[in-house]
C-alpha atoms as a PDB file:
ATOM      1  CA  MET A   1    -102.966 148.440  75.042  1.00  0.00           C
ATOM      2  CA  LYS A   2    -106.154 146.887  75.030  1.00  0.00           C
ATOM      3  CA  VAL A   3    -109.290 148.032  72.918  1.00  0.00           C
ATOM      4  CA  ASN A   4    -112.924 146.600  73.165  1.00  0.00           C
ATOM      5  CA  VAL A   5    -115.383 147.585  70.667  1.00  0.00           C
ATOM      6  CA  GLU A   6    -119.038 146.880  71.219  1.00  0.00           C
ATOM      7  CA  ILE A   7    -121.449 146.842  68.028  1.00  0.00           C
ATOM      8  CA  ASP A   8    -125.031 146.472  68.759  1.00  0.00           C
ATOM      9  CA  CYS A   9    -126.928 145.231  65.489  1.00  0.00           C
ATOM     10  CA  THR A  10    -129.177 142.533  64.068  1.00  0.00           C
ATOM     11  CA  PRO A  11    -127.495 139.894  62.628  1.00  0.00           C
ATOM     12  CA  GLU A  12    -129.257 140.886  59.322  1.00  0.00           C
ATOM     13  CA  GLU A  13    -127.506 144.459  59.845  1.00  0.00           C
ATOM     14  CA  ALA A  14    -124.186 142.459  60.560  1.00  0.00           C
ATOM     15  CA  ARG A  15    -124.465 140.347  57.016  1.00  0.00           C
ATOM     16  CA  ALA A  16    -124.962 143.575  55.121  1.00  0.00           C
ATOM     17  CA  PHE A  17    -122.403 145.219  56.514  1.00  0.00           C
ATOM     18  CA  LEU A  18    -119.734 142.650  55.887  1.00  0.00           C
ATOM     19  CA  GLY A  19    -121.081 141.976  52.732  1.00  0.00           C
ATOM     20  CA  LEU A  20    -122.237 137.952  53.313  1.00  0.00           C
ATOM     21  CA  PRO A  21    -125.013 137.005  51.376  1.00  0.00           C
ATOM     22  CA  ASP A  22    -128.645 136.752  52.793  1.00  0.00           C
ATOM     23  CA  VAL A  23    -128.945 132.938  52.744  1.00  0.00           C
ATOM     24  CA  ALA A  24    -132.635 133.082  54.360  1.00  0.00           C
ATOM     25  CA  PRO A  25    -134.519 132.466  51.075  1.00  0.00           C
ATOM     26  CA  LEU A  26    -132.592 129.585  50.295  1.00  0.00           C
ATOM     27  CA  ASN A  27    -132.680 128.093  53.969  1.00  0.00           C
ATOM     28  CA  ASP A  28    -136.396 128.602  53.477  1.00  0.00           C
ATOM     29  CA  HIS A  29    -136.707 126.700  50.341  1.00  0.00           C
ATOM     30  CA  LEU A  30    -134.523 123.774  51.797  1.00  0.00           C
ATOM     31  CA  VAL A  31    -136.727 123.465  54.809  1.00  0.00           C
ATOM     32  CA  ALA A  32    -139.743 123.311  52.701  1.00  0.00           C
ATOM     33  CA  GLU A  33    -138.391 120.923  50.190  1.00  0.00           C
ATOM     34  CA  MET A  34    -137.296 118.793  53.321  1.00  0.00           C
ATOM     35  CA  LYS A  35    -140.792 118.776  54.773  1.00  0.00           C
ATOM     36  CA  ARG A  36    -142.667 117.948  51.617  1.00  0.00           C
ATOM     37  CA  ARG A  37    -140.336 114.765  50.954  1.00  0.00           C
ATOM     38  CA  MET A  38    -141.299 113.872  54.696  1.00  0.00           C
ATOM     39  CA  ASP A  39    -144.816 114.111  54.015  1.00  0.00           C
ATOM     40  CA  GLU A  40    -144.733 111.973  50.566  1.00  0.00           C
ATOM     41  CA  ASN A  41    -142.487 109.317  52.558  1.00  0.00           C
ATOM     42  CA  ILE A  42    -144.277 109.382  55.889  1.00  0.00           C
ATOM     43  CA  THR A  43    -145.545 105.942  55.297  1.00  0.00           C
ATOM     44  CA  ALA A  44    -142.194 104.307  55.270  1.00  0.00           C
ATOM     45  CA  MET A  45    -142.043 105.628  58.956  1.00  0.00           C
ATOM     46  CA  GLN A  46    -144.965 103.639  59.854  1.00  0.00           C
ATOM     47  CA  PRO A  47    -143.628 101.005  62.759  1.00  0.00           C
ATOM     48  CA  ASP A  48    -145.005  97.845  60.766  1.00  0.00           C
ATOM     49  CA  GLU A  49    -143.230  99.363  57.527  1.00  0.00           C
ATOM     50  CA  LEU A  50    -139.981  99.624  59.286  1.00  0.00           C
ATOM     51  CA  MET A  51    -140.219  95.996  60.765  1.00  0.00           C
ATOM     52  CA  LYS A  52    -140.951  94.915  57.248  1.00  0.00           C
ATOM     53  CA  THR A  53    -138.119  96.651  55.856  1.00  0.00           C
ATOM     54  CA  TRP A  54    -135.623  95.214  58.528  1.00  0.00           C
ATOM     55  CA  THR A  55    -136.573  92.074  59.110  1.00  0.00           C
ATOM     56  CA  SER A  56    -136.159  91.758  54.980  1.00  0.00           C
ATOM     57  CA  PHE A  57    -132.706  92.839  55.096  1.00  0.00           C
ATOM     58  CA  GLY A  58    -131.801  91.105  58.170  1.00  0.00           C
ATOM     59  CA  LEU A  59    -132.770  87.291  56.783  1.00  0.00           C
ATOM     60  CA  GLN A  60    -130.575  88.576  53.561  1.00  0.00           C
ATOM     61  CA  ALA A  61    -127.889  89.548  55.803  1.00  0.00           C
ATOM     62  CA  GLN A  62    -128.278  86.283  57.899  1.00  0.00           C
ATOM     63  CA  ASP A  63    -127.909  84.194  54.574  1.00  0.00           C
ATOM     64  CA  GLN A  64    -125.317  86.217  53.014  1.00  0.00           C
ATOM     65  CA  PHE A  65    -122.981  85.831  56.373  1.00  0.00           C
ATOM     66  CA  ARG A  66    -123.947  82.011  56.749  1.00  0.00           C
ATOM     67  CA  LYS A  67    -122.604  81.413  53.186  1.00  0.00           C
ATOM     68  CA  LEU A  68    -119.217  83.705  53.932  1.00  0.00           C
ATOM     69  CA  MET A  69    -119.087  81.523  56.908  1.00  0.00           C
ATOM     70  CA  GLY A  70    -119.399  78.148  55.235  1.00  0.00           C
ATOM     71  CA  ALA A  71    -116.667  79.381  52.439  1.00  0.00           C
ATOM     72  CA  ALA A  72    -114.206  80.340  54.467  1.00  0.00           C
ATOM     73  CA  VAL A  73    -114.381  76.757  56.443  1.00  0.00           C
ATOM     74  CA  LYS A  74    -114.200  74.944  53.205  1.00  0.00           C
ATOM     75  CA  PRO A  75    -110.669  74.059  52.137  1.00  0.00           C
END
């Protein structure tokens, strides 16, 4: 025996029927907070700032790698 049931309702109606919480206000708050943080830190996303960060990290990483290899070669 096979039974098909079709229910035509909105997502809000389905959530209410199943007793699930409405997380729309929480989602709106999180999205607004993410936008605020991105706006505050937008200068760090500028290409020249990214290159400064990456090159300084790259030079430090190269130095650390060189020291590590030097220590591994020594008897």
